[in-house]
Amino acid sequence: MTTPPALPTPAHTVGPFYGYALPFPGGGDAAPAAHPDTLTLHGHVRDGAGAPVPDALLEFWGPDPDGELPRATGSLRREPATGGFLGRDGVRFTGFARVPTDADGHWTVRTLRPGARGGNAPHLAVCVFARGLTRHLFTRVYLPAPDREPTTDPLLAALSPERRATLWAAAEPQGSYRFDIRLQGAAETVFLEFA
């Protein structure tokens, strides 16, 4: 008797197991809460049908307002004597945030407005991890500035107005901005590929 050939199995995904170990207390505080220029960026992660993704993990990186990359000690400081978690120092801007989404697919980050860097318009880099993805996704979030609208950014210039709109956060009252990430569908967020 011969054994039939084995059928291929589906690819493995990147989650949702990462949500148990990677988030840390204060992970959304790239800037100290008491800093006068701290702004709040928040939004939802949604799938192609518009349903919230409750177990996504987002990482944000961004320069300081002068366009310089922060050189502050990392976010996971340890207590020297016990090795316990101390968290962020609450004083310095780290430029890095890592946040999970909640049951409604919502997330929140506190940061400073990024400055222009390397010929690009000021933006934050975003990495998205979510169930069903075989690889994480990269995108950008641009914050509208009342005094200028960047028009020379190479990425923005290469996109149609409809696609470009998926990279802009919407200003809200009191220094808050909303940026929703859509993983698929007609309003899918622009995702970047790095070779």
C-alpha atoms as a PDB file:
ATOM      1  CA  MET A   1       0.000   0.000   0.000  1.00  0.00           C
ATOM      2  CA  THR A   2       1.353   3.411  -0.957  1.00  0.00           C
ATOM      3  CA  THR A   3       1.071   6.542   1.138  1.00  0.00           C
ATOM      4  CA  PRO A   4      -0.521   9.496  -0.651  1.00  0.00           C
ATOM      5  CA  PRO A   5       1.695  12.572  -1.047  1.00  0.00           C
ATOM      6  CA  ALA A   6       1.439  15.129   1.741  1.00  0.00           C
ATOM      7  CA  LEU A   7      -0.387  18.344   0.961  1.00  0.00           C
ATOM      8  CA  PRO A   8       1.303  21.679   1.731  1.00  0.00           C
ATOM      9  CA  THR A   9       0.314  23.328   5.004  1.00  0.00           C
ATOM     10  CA  PRO A  10      -0.505  27.018   5.476  1.00  0.00           C
ATOM     11  CA  ALA A  11       2.292  29.432   6.366  1.00  0.00           C
ATOM     12  CA  HIS A  12       2.823  30.324  10.003  1.00  0.00           C
ATOM     13  CA  THR A  13       1.734  33.767  11.168  1.00  0.00           C
ATOM     14  CA  VAL A  14       3.505  36.235  13.454  1.00  0.00           C
ATOM     15  CA  GLY A  15       0.887  36.272  16.176  1.00  0.00           C
ATOM     16  CA  PRO A  16      -0.942  36.716  18.384  1.00  0.00           C
ATOM     17  CA  PHE A  17       1.644  35.138  20.719  1.00  0.00           C
ATOM     18  CA  TYR A  18       3.918  38.226  20.614  1.00  0.00           C
ATOM     19  CA  GLY A  19       1.395  40.238  22.640  1.00  0.00           C
ATOM     20  CA  TYR A  20       2.230  38.356  25.820  1.00  0.00           C
ATOM     21  CA  ALA A  21       5.895  39.300  26.166  1.00  0.00           C
ATOM     22  CA  LEU A  22       6.597  42.353  24.025  1.00  0.00           C
ATOM     23  CA  PRO A  23       4.324  45.064  25.507  1.00  0.00           C
ATOM     24  CA  PHE A  24       5.710  46.761  28.624  1.00  0.00           C
ATOM     25  CA  PRO A  25       4.377  49.328  31.113  1.00  0.00           C
ATOM     26  CA  GLY A  26       4.620  52.842  29.685  1.00  0.00           C
ATOM     27  CA  GLY A  27       5.321  51.490  26.204  1.00  0.00           C
ATOM     28  CA  GLY A  28       3.244  54.208  24.587  1.00  0.00           C
ATOM     29  CA  ASP A  29       5.154  57.069  26.207  1.00  0.00           C
ATOM     30  CA  ALA A  30       7.865  58.011  23.705  1.00  0.00           C
ATOM     31  CA  ALA A  31       7.809  61.491  25.272  1.00  0.00           C
ATOM     32  CA  PRO A  32       7.426  62.314  28.964  1.00  0.00           C
ATOM     33  CA  ALA A  33       3.796  63.031  29.890  1.00  0.00           C
ATOM     34  CA  ALA A  34       4.848  66.312  31.598  1.00  0.00           C
ATOM     35  CA  HIS A  35       6.694  67.678  28.534  1.00  0.00           C
ATOM     36  CA  PRO A  36       4.837  70.816  27.335  1.00  0.00           C
ATOM     37  CA  ASP A  37       5.012  69.749  23.660  1.00  0.00           C
ATOM     38  CA  THR A  38       3.808  66.168  24.130  1.00  0.00           C
ATOM     39  CA  LEU A  39       1.008  65.273  21.748  1.00  0.00           C
ATOM     40  CA  THR A  40      -1.299  62.272  21.716  1.00  0.00           C
ATOM     41  CA  LEU A  41      -1.606  60.089  18.637  1.00  0.00           C
ATOM     42  CA  HIS A  42      -4.285  57.399  18.674  1.00  0.00           C
ATOM     43  CA  GLY A  43      -6.416  55.303  16.375  1.00  0.00           C
ATOM     44  CA  HIS A  44      -7.755  51.870  15.546  1.00  0.00           C
ATOM     45  CA  VAL A  45      -6.373  48.920  13.621  1.00  0.00           C
ATOM     46  CA  ARG A  46      -9.074  47.418  11.383  1.00  0.00           C
ATOM     47  CA  ASP A  47      -9.178  44.433   9.040  1.00  0.00           C
ATOM     48  CA  GLY A  48     -10.502  44.447   5.464  1.00  0.00           C
ATOM     49  CA  ALA A  49     -14.125  44.191   6.623  1.00  0.00           C
ATOM     50  CA  GLY A  50     -13.697  47.142   9.001  1.00  0.00           C
ATOM     51  CA  ALA A  51     -13.715  44.968  12.138  1.00  0.00           C
ATOM     52  CA  PRO A  52     -11.290  45.925  14.935  1.00  0.00           C
ATOM     53  CA  VAL A  53      -8.105  43.889  15.340  1.00  0.00           C
ATOM     54  CA  PRO A  54      -7.895  43.357  19.126  1.00  0.00           C
ATOM     55  CA  ASP A  55      -4.477  41.726  19.312  1.00  0.00           C
ATOM     56  CA  ALA A  56      -2.241  43.828  17.060  1.00  0.00           C
ATOM     57  CA  LEU A  57       1.052  45.288  18.255  1.00  0.00           C
ATOM     58  CA  LEU A  58       2.402  48.596  16.918  1.00  0.00           C
ATOM     59  CA  GLU A  59       5.890  50.070  17.136  1.00  0.00           C
ATOM     60  CA  PHE A  60       6.603  53.744  16.438  1.00  0.00           C
ATOM     61  CA  TRP A  61       9.959  55.448  15.800  1.00  0.00           C
ATOM     62  CA  GLY A  62      10.513  59.124  15.250  1.00  0.00           C
ATOM     63  CA  PRO A  63      13.069  61.929  15.466  1.00  0.00           C
ATOM     64  CA  ASP A  64      12.805  64.803  17.915  1.00  0.00           C
ATOM     65  CA  PRO A  65      11.371  68.183  16.806  1.00  0.00           C
ATOM     66  CA  ASP A  66      14.800  69.173  15.416  1.00  0.00           C
ATOM     67  CA  GLY A  67      14.923  66.070  13.193  1.00  0.00           C
ATOM     68  CA  GLU A  68      17.608  64.414  15.342  1.00  0.00           C
ATOM     69  CA  LEU A  69      17.373  60.756  16.301  1.00  0.00           C
ATOM     70  CA  PRO A  70      17.144  60.374  20.086  1.00  0.00           C
ATOM     71  CA  ARG A  71      20.074  58.820  21.892  1.00  0.00           C
ATOM     72  CA  ALA A  72      18.334  58.320  25.233  1.00  0.00           C
ATOM     73  CA  THR A  73      18.793  55.050  27.080  1.00  0.00           C
ATOM     74  CA  GLY A  74      16.340  52.391  25.977  1.00  0.00           C
ATOM     75  CA  SER A  75      12.820  51.974  27.222  1.00  0.00           C
ATOM     76  CA  LEU A  76      13.450  48.822  29.243  1.00  0.00           C
ATOM     77  CA  ARG A  77      15.646  50.176  32.033  1.00  0.00           C
ATOM     78  CA  ARG A  78      16.407  47.707  34.810  1.00  0.00           C
ATOM     79  CA  GLU A  79      16.944  48.291  38.512  1.00  0.00           C
ATOM     80  CA  PRO A  80      20.666  47.497  39.030  1.00  0.00           C
ATOM     81  CA  ALA A  81      20.292  45.726  42.375  1.00  0.00           C
ATOM     82  CA  THR A  82      17.282  43.507  41.669  1.00  0.00           C
ATOM     83  CA  GLY A  83      17.133  43.433  37.869  1.00  0.00           C
ATOM     84  CA  GLY A  84      13.463  44.457  38.091  1.00  0.00           C
ATOM     85  CA  PHE A  85      11.757  46.608  35.500  1.00  0.00           C
ATOM     86  CA  LEU A  86      12.067  50.365  36.112  1.00  0.00           C
ATOM     87  CA  GLY A  87      10.395  51.556  32.933  1.00  0.00           C
ATOM     88  CA  ARG A  88      11.157  54.839  31.236  1.00  0.00           C
ATOM     89  CA  ASP A  89      12.889  57.578  33.181  1.00  0.00           C
ATOM     90  CA  GLY A  90      10.000  60.019  32.576  1.00  0.00           C
ATOM     91  CA  VAL A  91      12.362  62.839  31.605  1.00  0.00           C
ATOM     92  CA  ARG A  92      13.953  62.117  28.233  1.00  0.00           C
ATOM     93  CA  PHE A  93      12.419  61.679  24.790  1.00  0.00           C
ATOM     94  CA  THR A  94      13.196  58.186  23.479  1.00  0.00           C
ATOM     95  CA  GLY A  95      11.492  58.401  20.079  1.00  0.00           C
ATOM     96  CA  PHE A  96      10.284  54.789  20.439  1.00  0.00           C
ATOM     97  CA  ALA A  97       6.900  53.451  21.479  1.00  0.00           C
ATOM     98  CA  ARG A  98       5.418  49.939  21.497  1.00  0.00           C
ATOM     99  CA  VAL A  99       1.696  49.498  22.158  1.00  0.00           C
ATOM    100  CA  PRO A 100      -0.827  46.690  21.835  1.00  0.00           C
ATOM    101  CA  THR A 101      -4.365  47.333  20.649  1.00  0.00           C
ATOM    102  CA  ASP A 102      -7.208  46.841  23.118  1.00  0.00           C
ATOM    103  CA  ALA A 103     -10.361  44.746  22.616  1.00  0.00           C
ATOM    104  CA  ASP A 104     -11.750  47.459  20.295  1.00  0.00           C
ATOM    105  CA  GLY A 105      -8.557  47.615  18.203  1.00  0.00           C
ATOM    106  CA  HIS A 106      -7.653  50.996  19.761  1.00  0.00           C
ATOM    107  CA  TRP A 107      -4.129  52.197  20.616  1.00  0.00           C
ATOM    108  CA  THR A 108      -2.583  55.403  22.021  1.00  0.00           C
ATOM    109  CA  VAL A 109       0.952  56.872  21.858  1.00  0.00           C
ATOM    110  CA  ARG A 110       2.349  60.063  23.433  1.00  0.00           C
ATOM    111  CA  THR A 111       5.219  61.628  21.490  1.00  0.00           C
ATOM    112  CA  LEU A 112       6.705  64.907  20.228  1.00  0.00           C
ATOM    113  CA  ARG A 113       6.090  66.348  16.778  1.00  0.00           C
ATOM    114  CA  PRO A 114       8.838  64.896  14.564  1.00  0.00           C
ATOM    115  CA  GLY A 115      11.172  67.226  12.695  1.00  0.00           C
ATOM    116  CA  ALA A 116      12.170  66.827   9.040  1.00  0.00           C
ATOM    117  CA  ARG A 117      14.973  64.379   8.348  1.00  0.00           C
ATOM    118  CA  GLY A 118      16.849  63.310   5.207  1.00  0.00           C
ATOM    119  CA  GLY A 119      14.734  65.177   2.635  1.00  0.00           C
ATOM    120  CA  ASN A 120      11.485  63.624   3.866  1.00  0.00           C
ATOM    121  CA  ALA A 121       8.538  65.440   5.368  1.00  0.00           C
ATOM    122  CA  PRO A 122       8.300  65.019   9.165  1.00  0.00           C
ATOM    123  CA  HIS A 123       6.760  61.648   9.996  1.00  0.00           C
ATOM    124  CA  LEU A 124       6.781  58.718  12.390  1.00  0.00           C
ATOM    125  CA  ALA A 125       7.699  55.253  11.155  1.00  0.00           C
ATOM    126  CA  VAL A 126       5.214  52.539  12.143  1.00  0.00           C
ATOM    127  CA  CYS A 127       5.584  48.753  12.227  1.00  0.00           C
ATOM    128  CA  VAL A 128       2.407  46.646  12.484  1.00  0.00           C
ATOM    129  CA  PHE A 129       2.273  43.088  13.820  1.00  0.00           C
ATOM    130  CA  ALA A 130      -1.117  41.351  13.682  1.00  0.00           C
ATOM    131  CA  ARG A 131      -2.719  37.931  13.439  1.00  0.00           C
ATOM    132  CA  GLY A 132      -2.963  36.586   9.937  1.00  0.00           C
ATOM    133  CA  LEU A 133       0.183  38.391   8.773  1.00  0.00           C
ATOM    134  CA  THR A 134       3.115  36.253   7.721  1.00  0.00           C
ATOM    135  CA  ARG A 135       5.342  39.342   7.897  1.00  0.00           C
ATOM    136  CA  HIS A 136       5.048  42.603   9.774  1.00  0.00           C
ATOM    137  CA  LEU A 137       4.011  45.707   7.842  1.00  0.00           C
ATOM    138  CA  PHE A 138       5.691  49.113   7.651  1.00  0.00           C
ATOM    139  CA  THR A 139       3.977  52.448   7.102  1.00  0.00           C
ATOM    140  CA  ARG A 140       4.338  56.110   8.024  1.00  0.00           C
ATOM    141  CA  VAL A 141       2.152  58.633   9.787  1.00  0.00           C
ATOM    142  CA  TYR A 142       2.396  62.307   8.841  1.00  0.00           C
ATOM    143  CA  LEU A 143       1.072  64.916  11.260  1.00  0.00           C
ATOM    144  CA  PRO A 144      -0.512  68.034   9.761  1.00  0.00           C
ATOM    145  CA  ALA A 145       1.301  71.209  10.742  1.00  0.00           C
ATOM    146  CA  PRO A 146      -0.616  74.479  10.912  1.00  0.00           C
ATOM    147  CA  ASP A 147       2.238  76.459   9.341  1.00  0.00           C
ATOM    148  CA  ARG A 148       3.228  74.186   6.447  1.00  0.00           C
ATOM    149  CA  GLU A 149       2.073  71.358   4.219  1.00  0.00           C
ATOM    150  CA  PRO A 150       4.977  69.233   2.916  1.00  0.00           C
ATOM    151  CA  THR A 151       4.875  68.791  -0.836  1.00  0.00           C
ATOM    152  CA  THR A 152       8.411  67.619  -1.588  1.00  0.00           C
ATOM    153  CA  ASP A 153       8.379  64.306   0.281  1.00  0.00           C
ATOM    154  CA  PRO A 154       9.259  61.617  -2.328  1.00  0.00           C
ATOM    155  CA  LEU A 155       6.813  59.052  -0.930  1.00  0.00           C
ATOM    156  CA  LEU A 156       3.881  61.487  -0.766  1.00  0.00           C
ATOM    157  CA  ALA A 157       4.660  62.818  -4.250  1.00  0.00           C
ATOM    158  CA  ALA A 158       4.558  59.279  -5.717  1.00  0.00           C
ATOM    159  CA  LEU A 159       1.031  58.543  -4.436  1.00  0.00           C
ATOM    160  CA  SER A 160      -2.393  59.493  -5.741  1.00  0.00           C
ATOM    161  CA  PRO A 161      -4.343  61.878  -3.473  1.00  0.00           C
ATOM    162  CA  GLU A 162      -6.601  59.009  -2.293  1.00  0.00           C
ATOM    163  CA  ARG A 163      -3.667  56.776  -1.314  1.00  0.00           C
ATOM    164  CA  ARG A 164      -1.730  59.725   0.184  1.00  0.00           C
ATOM    165  CA  ALA A 165      -4.688  60.447   2.491  1.00  0.00           C
ATOM    166  CA  THR A 166      -4.180  57.073   4.232  1.00  0.00           C
ATOM    167  CA  LEU A 167      -0.855  58.331   5.638  1.00  0.00           C
ATOM    168  CA  TRP A 168      -2.140  61.556   7.215  1.00  0.00           C
ATOM    169  CA  ALA A 169      -3.319  61.796  10.802  1.00  0.00           C
ATOM    170  CA  ALA A 170      -6.375  63.952  11.442  1.00  0.00           C
ATOM    171  CA  ALA A 171      -5.994  66.821  13.928  1.00  0.00           C
ATOM    172  CA  GLU A 172      -8.329  66.763  16.922  1.00  0.00           C
ATOM    173  CA  PRO A 173      -8.772  69.235  19.797  1.00  0.00           C
ATOM    174  CA  GLN A 174      -6.092  69.787  22.462  1.00  0.00           C
ATOM    175  CA  GLY A 175      -3.028  68.470  20.637  1.00  0.00           C
ATOM    176  CA  SER A 176      -4.484  65.091  19.746  1.00  0.00           C
ATOM    177  CA  TYR A 177      -4.291  63.336  16.361  1.00  0.00           C
ATOM    178  CA  ARG A 178      -6.141  60.299  15.026  1.00  0.00           C
ATOM    179  CA  PHE A 179      -4.555  57.775  12.680  1.00  0.00           C
ATOM    180  CA  ASP A 180      -6.463  54.615  11.782  1.00  0.00           C
ATOM    181  CA  ILE A 181      -4.652  51.698  10.156  1.00  0.00           C
ATOM    182  CA  ARG A 182      -6.636  49.612   7.677  1.00  0.00           C
ATOM    183  CA  LEU A 183      -4.987  46.279   6.830  1.00  0.00           C
ATOM    184  CA  GLN A 184      -6.982  45.589   3.640  1.00  0.00           C
ATOM    185  CA  GLY A 185      -9.821  46.862   1.504  1.00  0.00           C
ATOM    186  CA  ALA A 186     -10.614  49.996  -0.468  1.00  0.00           C
ATOM    187  CA  ALA A 187      -9.199  52.332   2.198  1.00  0.00           C
ATOM    188  CA  GLU A 188      -6.133  50.161   2.939  1.00  0.00           C
ATOM    189  CA  THR A 189      -3.276  52.084   4.511  1.00  0.00           C
ATOM    190  CA  VAL A 190      -0.217  52.499   2.280  1.00  0.00           C
ATOM    191  CA  PHE A 191       2.384  49.948   3.384  1.00  0.00           C
ATOM    192  CA  LEU A 192       6.071  50.096   2.438  1.00  0.00           C
ATOM    193  CA  GLU A 193       8.346  47.337   1.272  1.00  0.00           C
ATOM    194  CA  PHE A 194      12.042  47.349   2.105  1.00  0.00           C
ATOM    195  CA  ALA A 195      14.461  45.278   0.051  1.00  0.00           C
END
